[in-house]
Each structure stands twice: as structure tokens, then as C-alpha cells.
Amino acid sequence: MNQERVFKVLLGPHVSEKTTLAGEEGNQIVFRVARDAEKGEIKKAVEQLFEVQVDKVRTVKVKGKQKGFGRIRGKRSDWKKAYVVLKPGQDIDFFGAE
């Protein structure tokens, strides 16, 4: 996988209450990924960028919500997230805290 595709696959970490609990209990990290990204691409991208070993990847397609602004109706974009399970002993530190 070329370096350009690595940066297009991973869009950033997804932080929420649910993902924080998943990280504490199951050694999982959750990322927002490109909608056309495959599990193999996601695994290679995480391993290359963060220099960790990935055990498995699960993906979820999230449907955009319908929103209304007065009489005008709109829709948020659909997006995809990936639950990345790291092998035991592996860790990703986003904040660089010691």
C-alpha cells in the first residue's frame, strides 16, 4: 500500500463515550475511515502509521441523520468507522502523555 492511500484510508480517531469504554475494556481503537476502505487496507494503514500489530478489524457503516431547518429538509453524510483490535501488549498513545 502506498503512503498516499494510507492517509486517505484513516480520517481520524472517533472519540465518544462508547469508544472510550471499548478502548479501556477490549484494547480497541475506533477510527473514522473512508467509505470505500476495506478491512485489509485499514489493518495495513494502522500498522504502518502507528507501528503496532493489529489482531482484527470490524467495520460499521453509519447512516447520516435526516435534519430539518424550518421547512428545508437535509441529510448528513453517511460515514464509516472501524473498530481496530490490537494484539495484547500493543497500545496507541494519541496524546503523548507519559
PDB file of N, CA and C in Angstrom:
ATOM      1  N   MET A   1       0.849  -1.172   0.000  1.00  0.00           N
ATOM      2  CA  MET A   1       0.000   0.000   0.000  1.00  0.00           C
ATOM      3  C   MET A   1       0.898   1.238   0.000  1.00  0.00           C
ATOM      4  N   ASN A   2       0.619   2.161  -0.928  1.00  0.00           N
ATOM      5  CA  ASN A   2       1.449   3.354  -0.988  1.00  0.00           C
ATOM      6  C   ASN A   2       1.074   4.336   0.128  1.00  0.00           C
ATOM      7  N   GLN A   3       1.988   5.242   0.421  1.00  0.00           N
ATOM      8  CA  GLN A   3       1.830   6.154   1.556  1.00  0.00           C
ATOM      9  C   GLN A   3       0.640   7.099   1.362  1.00  0.00           C
ATOM     10  N   GLU A   4       0.342   7.460   0.138  1.00  0.00           N
ATOM     11  CA  GLU A   4      -0.781   8.358  -0.125  1.00  0.00           C
ATOM     12  C   GLU A   4      -2.109   7.707   0.252  1.00  0.00           C
ATOM     13  N   ARG A   5      -2.275   6.439  -0.071  1.00  0.00           N
ATOM     14  CA  ARG A   5      -3.519   5.727   0.254  1.00  0.00           C
ATOM     15  C   ARG A   5      -3.671   5.549   1.762  1.00  0.00           C
ATOM     16  N   VAL A   6      -2.556   5.385   2.482  1.00  0.00           N
ATOM     17  CA  VAL A   6      -2.611   5.228   3.941  1.00  0.00           C
ATOM     18  C   VAL A   6      -3.289   6.435   4.576  1.00  0.00           C
ATOM     19  N   PHE A   7      -2.924   7.633   4.107  1.00  0.00           N
ATOM     20  CA  PHE A   7      -3.504   8.844   4.691  1.00  0.00           C
ATOM     21  C   PHE A   7      -4.935   9.083   4.234  1.00  0.00           C
ATOM     22  N   LYS A   8      -5.353   8.479   3.126  1.00  0.00           N
ATOM     23  CA  LYS A   8      -6.734   8.629   2.669  1.00  0.00           C
ATOM     24  C   LYS A   8      -7.669   7.619   3.333  1.00  0.00           C
ATOM     25  N   VAL A   9      -7.130   6.483   3.782  1.00  0.00           N
ATOM     26  CA  VAL A   9      -7.963   5.453   4.420  1.00  0.00           C
ATOM     27  C   VAL A   9      -8.376   5.895   5.815  1.00  0.00           C
ATOM     28  N   LEU A  10      -7.423   6.299   6.645  1.00  0.00           N
ATOM     29  CA  LEU A  10      -7.713   6.720   8.015  1.00  0.00           C
ATOM     30  C   LEU A  10      -7.977   8.218   8.037  1.00  0.00           C
ATOM     31  N   LEU A  11      -9.181   8.602   8.472  1.00  0.00           N
ATOM     32  CA  LEU A  11      -9.527  10.013   8.536  1.00  0.00           C
ATOM     33  C   LEU A  11      -9.272  10.607   9.912  1.00  0.00           C
ATOM     34  N   GLY A  12      -9.276   9.779  10.950  1.00  0.00           N
ATOM     35  CA  GLY A  12      -9.007  10.266  12.298  1.00  0.00           C
ATOM     36  C   GLY A  12      -9.642   9.365  13.335  1.00  0.00           C
ATOM     37  N   PRO A  13      -9.269   9.538  14.589  1.00  0.00           N
ATOM     38  CA  PRO A  13      -9.899   8.734  15.646  1.00  0.00           C
ATOM     39  C   PRO A  13     -11.322   9.226  15.904  1.00  0.00           C
ATOM     40  N   HIS A  14     -12.178   8.313  16.294  1.00  0.00           N
ATOM     41  CA  HIS A  14     -13.553   8.655  16.639  1.00  0.00           C
ATOM     42  C   HIS A  14     -13.688   8.526  18.150  1.00  0.00           C
ATOM     43  N   VAL A  15     -13.930   9.635  18.823  1.00  0.00           N
ATOM     44  CA  VAL A  15     -13.980   9.644  20.279  1.00  0.00           C
ATOM     45  C   VAL A  15     -15.415   9.858  20.734  1.00  0.00           C
ATOM     46  N   SER A  16     -15.912   8.916  21.519  1.00  0.00           N
ATOM     47  CA  SER A  16     -17.227   9.037  22.135  1.00  0.00           C
ATOM     48  C   SER A  16     -17.189   8.225  23.436  1.00  0.00           C
ATOM     49  N   GLU A  17     -18.272   8.261  24.162  1.00  0.00           N
ATOM     50  CA  GLU A  17     -18.329   7.518  25.412  1.00  0.00           C
ATOM     51  C   GLU A  17     -18.215   6.014  25.160  1.00  0.00           C
ATOM     52  N   LYS A  18     -18.880   5.546  24.143  1.00  0.00           N
ATOM     53  CA  LYS A  18     -18.851   4.126  23.802  1.00  0.00           C
ATOM     54  C   LYS A  18     -17.456   3.677  23.378  1.00  0.00           C
ATOM     55  N   THR A  19     -16.779   4.478  22.561  1.00  0.00           N
ATOM     56  CA  THR A  19     -15.453   4.089  22.090  1.00  0.00           C
ATOM     57  C   THR A  19     -14.416   4.157  23.205  1.00  0.00           C
ATOM     58  N   THR A  20     -14.596   5.064  24.151  1.00  0.00           N
ATOM     59  CA  THR A  20     -13.687   5.136  25.298  1.00  0.00           C
ATOM     60  C   THR A  20     -13.794   3.873  26.136  1.00  0.00           C
ATOM     61  N   LEU A  21     -15.011   3.391  26.361  1.00  0.00           N
ATOM     62  CA  LEU A  21     -15.199   2.148  27.115  1.00  0.00           C
ATOM     63  C   LEU A  21     -14.628   0.957  26.357  1.00  0.00           C
ATOM     64  N   ALA A  22     -14.792   0.933  25.041  1.00  0.00           N
ATOM     65  CA  ALA A  22     -14.249  -0.167  24.241  1.00  0.00           C
ATOM     66  C   ALA A  22     -12.729  -0.185  24.320  1.00  0.00           C
ATOM     67  N   GLY A  23     -12.121   0.988  24.359  1.00  0.00           N
ATOM     68  CA  GLY A  23     -10.671   1.072  24.454  1.00  0.00           C
ATOM     69  C   GLY A  23     -10.142   0.605  25.791  1.00  0.00           C
ATOM     70  N   GLU A  24     -10.865   0.915  26.858  1.00  0.00           N
ATOM     71  CA  GLU A  24     -10.424   0.518  28.194  1.00  0.00           C
ATOM     72  C   GLU A  24     -10.608  -0.975  28.431  1.00  0.00           C
ATOM     73  N   GLU A  25     -11.708  -1.529  27.958  1.00  0.00           N
ATOM     74  CA  GLU A  25     -12.023  -2.920  28.263  1.00  0.00           C
ATOM     75  C   GLU A  25     -11.468  -3.917  27.255  1.00  0.00           C
ATOM     76  N   GLY A  26     -11.450  -3.551  25.978  1.00  0.00           N
ATOM     77  CA  GLY A  26     -11.121  -4.548  24.972  1.00  0.00           C
ATOM     78  C   GLY A  26      -9.892  -4.268  24.141  1.00  0.00           C
ATOM     79  N   ASN A  27      -9.055  -3.301  24.528  1.00  0.00           N
ATOM     80  CA  ASN A  27      -7.848  -2.949  23.774  1.00  0.00           C
ATOM     81  C   ASN A  27      -8.201  -2.621  22.323  1.00  0.00           C
ATOM     82  N   GLN A  28      -9.266  -1.792  22.152  1.00  0.00           N
ATOM     83  CA  GLN A  28      -9.744  -1.410  20.831  1.00  0.00           C
ATOM     84  C   GLN A  28      -9.562   0.087  20.611  1.00  0.00           C
ATOM     85  N   ILE A  29      -9.313   0.454  19.378  1.00  0.00           N
ATOM     86  CA  ILE A  29      -9.261   1.845  18.962  1.00  0.00           C
ATOM     87  C   ILE A  29     -10.282   2.003  17.837  1.00  0.00           C
ATOM     88  N   VAL A  30     -11.007   3.110  17.827  1.00  0.00           N
ATOM     89  CA  VAL A  30     -12.026   3.332  16.806  1.00  0.00           C
ATOM     90  C   VAL A  30     -11.595   4.505  15.929  1.00  0.00           C
ATOM     91  N   PHE A  31     -11.639   4.288  14.606  1.00  0.00           N
ATOM     92  CA  PHE A  31     -11.242   5.303  13.637  1.00  0.00           C
ATOM     93  C   PHE A  31     -12.385   5.594  12.688  1.00  0.00           C
ATOM     94  N   ARG A  32     -12.470   6.851  12.243  1.00  0.00           N
ATOM     95  CA  ARG A  32     -13.310   7.193  11.095  1.00  0.00           C
ATOM     96  C   ARG A  32     -12.474   6.862   9.871  1.00  0.00           C
ATOM     97  N   VAL A  33     -13.053   6.134   8.926  1.00  0.00           N
ATOM     98  CA  VAL A  33     -12.304   5.708   7.745  1.00  0.00           C
ATOM     99  C   VAL A  33     -13.077   6.102   6.481  1.00  0.00           C
ATOM    100  N   ALA A  34     -12.396   6.028   5.359  1.00  0.00           N
ATOM    101  CA  ALA A  34     -13.035   6.312   4.077  1.00  0.00           C
ATOM    102  C   ALA A  34     -14.128   5.286   3.810  1.00  0.00           C
ATOM    103  N   ARG A  35     -15.180   5.718   3.131  1.00  0.00           N
ATOM    104  CA  ARG A  35     -16.309   4.811   2.893  1.00  0.00           C
ATOM    105  C   ARG A  35     -15.960   3.649   1.982  1.00  0.00           C
ATOM    106  N   ASP A  36     -14.921   3.781   1.159  1.00  0.00           N
ATOM    107  CA  ASP A  36     -14.536   2.693   0.263  1.00  0.00           C
ATOM    108  C   ASP A  36     -13.382   1.855   0.820  1.00  0.00           C
ATOM    109  N   ALA A  37     -12.988   2.083   2.066  1.00  0.00           N
ATOM    110  CA  ALA A  37     -11.865   1.355   2.669  1.00  0.00           C
ATOM    111  C   ALA A  37     -12.275  -0.076   3.017  1.00  0.00           C
ATOM    112  N   GLU A  38     -11.355  -1.006   2.810  1.00  0.00           N
ATOM    113  CA  GLU A  38     -11.586  -2.408   3.138  1.00  0.00           C
ATOM    114  C   GLU A  38     -10.821  -2.749   4.410  1.00  0.00           C
ATOM    115  N   LYS A  39     -11.185  -3.874   5.029  1.00  0.00           N
ATOM    116  CA  LYS A  39     -10.566  -4.260   6.292  1.00  0.00           C
ATOM    117  C   LYS A  39      -9.058  -4.461   6.168  1.00  0.00           C
ATOM    118  N   GLY A  40      -8.612  -5.065   5.087  1.00  0.00           N
ATOM    119  CA  GLY A  40      -7.179  -5.280   4.887  1.00  0.00           C
ATOM    120  C   GLY A  40      -6.418  -3.975   4.762  1.00  0.00           C
ATOM    121  N   GLU A  41      -7.001  -3.011   4.052  1.00  0.00           N
ATOM    122  CA  GLU A  41      -6.377  -1.699   3.917  1.00  0.00           C
ATOM    123  C   GLU A  41      -6.287  -0.982   5.259  1.00  0.00           C
ATOM    124  N   ILE A  42      -7.352  -1.077   6.045  1.00  0.00           N
ATOM    125  CA  ILE A  42      -7.377  -0.426   7.351  1.00  0.00           C
ATOM    126  C   ILE A  42      -6.310  -1.031   8.254  1.00  0.00           C
ATOM    127  N   LYS A  43      -6.196  -2.347   8.239  1.00  0.00           N
ATOM    128  CA  LYS A  43      -5.194  -3.029   9.065  1.00  0.00           C
ATOM    129  C   LYS A  43      -3.781  -2.589   8.684  1.00  0.00           C
ATOM    130  N   LYS A  44      -3.474  -2.572   7.391  1.00  0.00           N
ATOM    131  CA  LYS A  44      -2.137  -2.161   6.937  1.00  0.00           C
ATOM    132  C   LYS A  44      -1.853  -0.706   7.277  1.00  0.00           C
ATOM    133  N   ALA A  45      -2.866   0.151   7.137  1.00  0.00           N
ATOM    134  CA  ALA A  45      -2.673   1.572   7.411  1.00  0.00           C
ATOM    135  C   ALA A  45      -2.363   1.819   8.883  1.00  0.00           C
ATOM    136  N   VAL A  46      -3.088   1.158   9.778  1.00  0.00           N
ATOM    137  CA  VAL A  46      -2.839   1.325  11.216  1.00  0.00           C
ATOM    138  C   VAL A  46      -1.463   0.785  11.584  1.00  0.00           C
ATOM    139  N   GLU A  47      -1.107  -0.364  11.034  1.00  0.00           N
ATOM    140  CA  GLU A  47       0.204  -0.946  11.341  1.00  0.00           C
ATOM    141  C   GLU A  47       1.340  -0.066  10.845  1.00  0.00           C
ATOM    142  N   GLN A  48       1.186   0.557   9.674  1.00  0.00           N
ATOM    143  CA  GLN A  48       2.238   1.418   9.135  1.00  0.00           C
ATOM    144  C   GLN A  48       2.346   2.741   9.887  1.00  0.00           C
ATOM    145  N   LEU A  49       1.216   3.366  10.172  1.00  0.00           N
ATOM    146  CA  LEU A  49       1.254   4.685  10.801  1.00  0.00           C
ATOM    147  C   LEU A  49       1.661   4.647  12.273  1.00  0.00           C
ATOM    148  N   PHE A  50       1.152   3.682  13.017  1.00  0.00           N
ATOM    149  CA  PHE A  50       1.364   3.667  14.463  1.00  0.00           C
ATOM    150  C   PHE A  50       2.358   2.609  14.931  1.00  0.00           C
ATOM    151  N   GLU A  51       2.870   1.798  14.001  1.00  0.00           N
ATOM    152  CA  GLU A  51       3.861   0.759  14.308  1.00  0.00           C
ATOM    153  C   GLU A  51       3.394  -0.159  15.441  1.00  0.00           C
ATOM    154  N   VAL A  52       2.186  -0.689  15.283  1.00  0.00           N
ATOM    155  CA  VAL A  52       1.612  -1.659  16.216  1.00  0.00           C
ATOM    156  C   VAL A  52       1.160  -2.874  15.419  1.00  0.00           C
ATOM    157  N   GLN A  53       0.808  -3.944  16.130  1.00  0.00           N
ATOM    158  CA  GLN A  53       0.288  -5.148  15.485  1.00  0.00           C
ATOM    159  C   GLN A  53      -1.216  -5.215  15.714  1.00  0.00           C
ATOM    160  N   VAL A  54      -1.955  -5.376  14.625  1.00  0.00           N
ATOM    161  CA  VAL A  54      -3.415  -5.417  14.676  1.00  0.00           C
ATOM    162  C   VAL A  54      -3.873  -6.860  14.672  1.00  0.00           C
ATOM    163  N   ASP A  55      -4.795  -7.184  15.586  1.00  0.00           N
ATOM    164  CA  ASP A  55      -5.351  -8.532  15.666  1.00  0.00           C
ATOM    165  C   ASP A  55      -6.500  -8.692  14.675  1.00  0.00           C
ATOM    166  N   LYS A  56      -7.507  -7.796  14.740  1.00  0.00           N
ATOM    167  CA  LYS A  56      -8.625  -7.868  13.799  1.00  0.00           C
ATOM    168  C   LYS A  56      -9.278  -6.503  13.650  1.00  0.00           C
ATOM    169  N   VAL A  57     -10.083  -6.389  12.600  1.00  0.00           N
ATOM    170  CA  VAL A  57     -10.760  -5.131  12.275  1.00  0.00           C
ATOM    171  C   VAL A  57     -12.230  -5.432  12.017  1.00  0.00           C
ATOM    172  N   ARG A  58     -13.108  -4.619  12.614  1.00  0.00           N
ATOM    173  CA  ARG A  58     -14.546  -4.685  12.334  1.00  0.00           C
ATOM    174  C   ARG A  58     -14.976  -3.328  11.807  1.00  0.00           C
ATOM    175  N   THR A  59     -15.811  -3.313  10.798  1.00  0.00           N
ATOM    176  CA  THR A  59     -16.262  -2.051  10.223  1.00  0.00           C
ATOM    177  C   THR A  59     -17.769  -1.904  10.370  1.00  0.00           C
ATOM    178  N   VAL A  60     -18.206  -0.633  10.466  1.00  0.00           N
ATOM    179  CA  VAL A  60     -19.619  -0.308  10.592  1.00  0.00           C
ATOM    180  C   VAL A  60     -19.914   0.870   9.676  1.00  0.00           C
ATOM    181  N   LYS A  61     -20.952   0.738   8.856  1.00  0.00           N
ATOM    182  CA  LYS A  61     -21.407   1.863   8.045  1.00  0.00           C
ATOM    183  C   LYS A  61     -22.482   2.601   8.832  1.00  0.00           C
ATOM    184  N   VAL A  62     -22.277   3.903   9.036  1.00  0.00           N
ATOM    185  CA  VAL A  62     -23.201   4.723   9.809  1.00  0.00           C
ATOM    186  C   VAL A  62     -24.006   5.580   8.841  1.00  0.00           C
ATOM    187  N   LYS A  63     -25.312   5.458   8.928  1.00  0.00           N
ATOM    188  CA  LYS A  63     -26.189   6.233   8.050  1.00  0.00           C
ATOM    189  C   LYS A  63     -26.325   7.658   8.577  1.00  0.00           C
ATOM    190  N   GLY A  64     -26.331   8.626   7.668  1.00  0.00           N
ATOM    191  CA  GLY A  64     -26.487  10.028   8.048  1.00  0.00           C
ATOM    192  C   GLY A  64     -27.905  10.312   8.518  1.00  0.00           C
ATOM    193  N   LYS A  65     -28.029  11.221   9.462  1.00  0.00           N
ATOM    194  CA  LYS A  65     -29.340  11.567  10.016  1.00  0.00           C
ATOM    195  C   LYS A  65     -30.070  12.550   9.114  1.00  0.00           C
ATOM    196  N   GLN A  66     -31.402  12.457   9.138  1.00  0.00           N
ATOM    197  CA  GLN A  66     -32.243  13.437   8.461  1.00  0.00           C
ATOM    198  C   GLN A  66     -32.371  14.644   9.389  1.00  0.00           C
ATOM    199  N   LYS A  67     -32.145  15.820   8.860  1.00  0.00           N
ATOM    200  CA  LYS A  67     -32.241  17.035   9.659  1.00  0.00           C
ATOM    201  C   LYS A  67     -33.162  18.025   8.980  1.00  0.00           C
ATOM    202  N   GLY A  68     -33.828  18.827   9.780  1.00  0.00           N
ATOM    203  CA  GLY A  68     -34.710  19.838   9.227  1.00  0.00           C
ATOM    204  C   GLY A  68     -34.330  21.219   9.731  1.00  0.00           C
ATOM    205  N   PHE A  69     -34.412  22.181   8.854  1.00  0.00           N
ATOM    206  CA  PHE A  69     -34.149  23.573   9.196  1.00  0.00           C
ATOM    207  C   PHE A  69     -35.370  24.372   8.742  1.00  0.00           C
ATOM    208  N   GLY A  70     -36.359  24.450   9.612  1.00  0.00           N
ATOM    209  CA  GLY A  70     -37.615  25.079   9.224  1.00  0.00           C
ATOM    210  C   GLY A  70     -38.335  24.201   8.228  1.00  0.00           C
ATOM    211  N   ARG A  71     -38.597  24.744   7.042  1.00  0.00           N
ATOM    212  CA  ARG A  71     -39.266  23.955   6.004  1.00  0.00           C
ATOM    213  C   ARG A  71     -38.286  23.212   5.118  1.00  0.00           C
ATOM    214  N   ILE A  72     -37.013  23.467   5.289  1.00  0.00           N
ATOM    215  CA  ILE A  72     -35.997  22.849   4.439  1.00  0.00           C
ATOM    216  C   ILE A  72     -35.515  21.550   5.090  1.00  0.00           C
ATOM    217  N   ARG A  73     -35.506  20.483   4.316  1.00  0.00           N
ATOM    218  CA  ARG A  73     -35.033  19.189   4.796  1.00  0.00           C
ATOM    219  C   ARG A  73     -33.644  18.930   4.246  1.00  0.00           C
ATOM    220  N   GLY A  74     -32.793  18.323   5.077  1.00  0.00           N
ATOM    221  CA  GLY A  74     -31.448  17.989   4.647  1.00  0.00           C
ATOM    222  C   GLY A  74     -31.034  16.652   5.232  1.00  0.00           C
ATOM    223  N   LYS A  75     -29.868  16.179   4.831  1.00  0.00           N
ATOM    224  CA  LYS A  75     -29.376  14.894   5.310  1.00  0.00           C
ATOM    225  C   LYS A  75     -27.872  14.997   5.514  1.00  0.00           C
ATOM    226  N   ARG A  76     -27.422  14.505   6.652  1.00  0.00           N
ATOM    227  CA  ARG A  76     -25.987  14.446   6.895  1.00  0.00           C
ATOM    228  C   ARG A  76     -25.382  13.311   6.078  1.00  0.00           C
ATOM    229  N   SER A  77     -24.101  13.396   5.835  1.00  0.00           N
ATOM    230  CA  SER A  77     -23.425  12.388   5.021  1.00  0.00           C
ATOM    231  C   SER A  77     -23.319  11.056   5.748  1.00  0.00           C
ATOM    232  N   ASP A  78     -23.382   9.961   4.987  1.00  0.00           N
ATOM    233  CA  ASP A  78     -23.084   8.644   5.541  1.00  0.00           C
ATOM    234  C   ASP A  78     -21.578   8.565   5.763  1.00  0.00           C
ATOM    235  N   TRP A  79     -21.150   7.761   6.759  1.00  0.00           N
ATOM    236  CA  TRP A  79     -19.730   7.595   7.017  1.00  0.00           C
ATOM    237  C   TRP A  79     -19.470   6.195   7.542  1.00  0.00           C
ATOM    238  N   LYS A  80     -18.206   5.858   7.671  1.00  0.00           N
ATOM    239  CA  LYS A  80     -17.821   4.504   8.062  1.00  0.00           C
ATOM    240  C   LYS A  80     -16.820   4.588   9.203  1.00  0.00           C
ATOM    241  N   LYS A  81     -16.951   3.687  10.165  1.00  0.00           N
ATOM    242  CA  LYS A  81     -15.984   3.632  11.253  1.00  0.00           C
ATOM    243  C   LYS A  81     -15.451   2.212  11.380  1.00  0.00           C
ATOM    244  N   ALA A  82     -14.253   2.110  11.924  1.00  0.00           N
ATOM    245  CA  ALA A  82     -13.595   0.817  12.055  1.00  0.00           C
ATOM    246  C   ALA A  82     -13.159   0.615  13.501  1.00  0.00           C
ATOM    247  N   TYR A  83     -13.548  -0.530  14.064  1.00  0.00           N
ATOM    248  CA  TYR A  83     -13.080  -0.942  15.385  1.00  0.00           C
ATOM    249  C   TYR A  83     -11.839  -1.798  15.166  1.00  0.00           C
ATOM    250  N   VAL A  84     -10.690  -1.304  15.605  1.00  0.00           N
ATOM    251  CA  VAL A  84      -9.416  -1.992  15.413  1.00  0.00           C
ATOM    252  C   VAL A  84      -9.006  -2.611  16.745  1.00  0.00           C
ATOM    253  N   VAL A  85      -8.880  -3.941  16.778  1.00  0.00           N
ATOM    254  CA  VAL A  85      -8.467  -4.652  17.983  1.00  0.00           C
ATOM    255  C   VAL A  85      -6.971  -4.903  17.888  1.00  0.00           C
ATOM    256  N   LEU A  86      -6.238  -4.405  18.866  1.00  0.00           N
ATOM    257  CA  LEU A  86      -4.790  -4.573  18.891  1.00  0.00           C
ATOM    258  C   LEU A  86      -4.416  -5.860  19.599  1.00  0.00           C
ATOM    259  N   LYS A  87      -3.259  -6.407  19.239  1.00  0.00           N
ATOM    260  CA  LYS A  87      -2.767  -7.613  19.904  1.00  0.00           C
ATOM    261  C   LYS A  87      -2.364  -7.270  21.336  1.00  0.00           C
ATOM    262  N   PRO A  88      -2.373  -8.250  22.240  1.00  0.00           N
ATOM    263  CA  PRO A  88      -2.019  -7.971  23.638  1.00  0.00           C
ATOM    264  C   PRO A  88      -0.624  -7.349  23.747  1.00  0.00           C
ATOM    265  N   GLY A  89      -0.524  -6.348  24.613  1.00  0.00           N
ATOM    266  CA  GLY A  89       0.743  -5.652  24.816  1.00  0.00           C
ATOM    267  C   GLY A  89       0.941  -4.460  23.902  1.00  0.00           C
ATOM    268  N   GLN A  90       0.077  -4.274  22.911  1.00  0.00           N
ATOM    269  CA  GLN A  90       0.182  -3.153  21.974  1.00  0.00           C
ATOM    270  C   GLN A  90      -0.692  -1.999  22.465  1.00  0.00           C
ATOM    271  N   ASP A  91      -0.274  -0.765  22.153  1.00  0.00           N
ATOM    272  CA  ASP A  91      -1.035   0.399  22.585  1.00  0.00           C
ATOM    273  C   ASP A  91      -0.737   1.564  21.651  1.00  0.00           C
ATOM    274  N   ILE A  92      -1.741   2.395  21.419  1.00  0.00           N
ATOM    275  CA  ILE A  92      -1.567   3.624  20.645  1.00  0.00           C
ATOM    276  C   ILE A  92      -1.817   4.780  21.594  1.00  0.00           C
ATOM    277  N   ASP A  93      -0.845   5.688  21.700  1.00  0.00           N
ATOM    278  CA  ASP A  93      -0.965   6.847  22.576  1.00  0.00           C
ATOM    279  C   ASP A  93      -1.112   8.080  21.698  1.00  0.00           C
ATOM    280  N   PHE A  94      -2.346   8.616  21.593  1.00  0.00           N
ATOM    281  CA  PHE A  94      -2.596   9.758  20.739  1.00  0.00           C
ATOM    282  C   PHE A  94      -2.085  11.068  21.331  1.00  0.00           C
ATOM    283  N   PHE A  95      -2.048  11.159  22.645  1.00  0.00           N
ATOM    284  CA  PHE A  95      -1.728  12.425  23.291  1.00  0.00           C
ATOM    285  C   PHE A  95      -0.280  12.558  23.700  1.00  0.00           C
ATOM    286  N   GLY A  96       0.496  11.480  23.673  1.00  0.00           N
ATOM    287  CA  GLY A  96       1.900  11.527  24.027  1.00  0.00           C
ATOM    288  C   GLY A  96       2.147  11.723  25.511  1.00  0.00           C
ATOM    289  N   ALA A  97       1.162  11.419  26.345  1.00  0.00           N
ATOM    290  CA  ALA A  97       1.310  11.561  27.789  1.00  0.00           C
ATOM    291  C   ALA A  97       2.165  10.431  28.350  1.00  0.00           C
ATOM    292  N   GLU A  98       2.936  10.765  29.346  1.00  0.00           N
ATOM    293  CA  GLU A  98       3.798   9.754  29.963  1.00  0.00           C
ATOM    294  C   GLU A  98       3.289   9.349  31.322  1.00  0.00           C
TER     295      GLU A  98
END
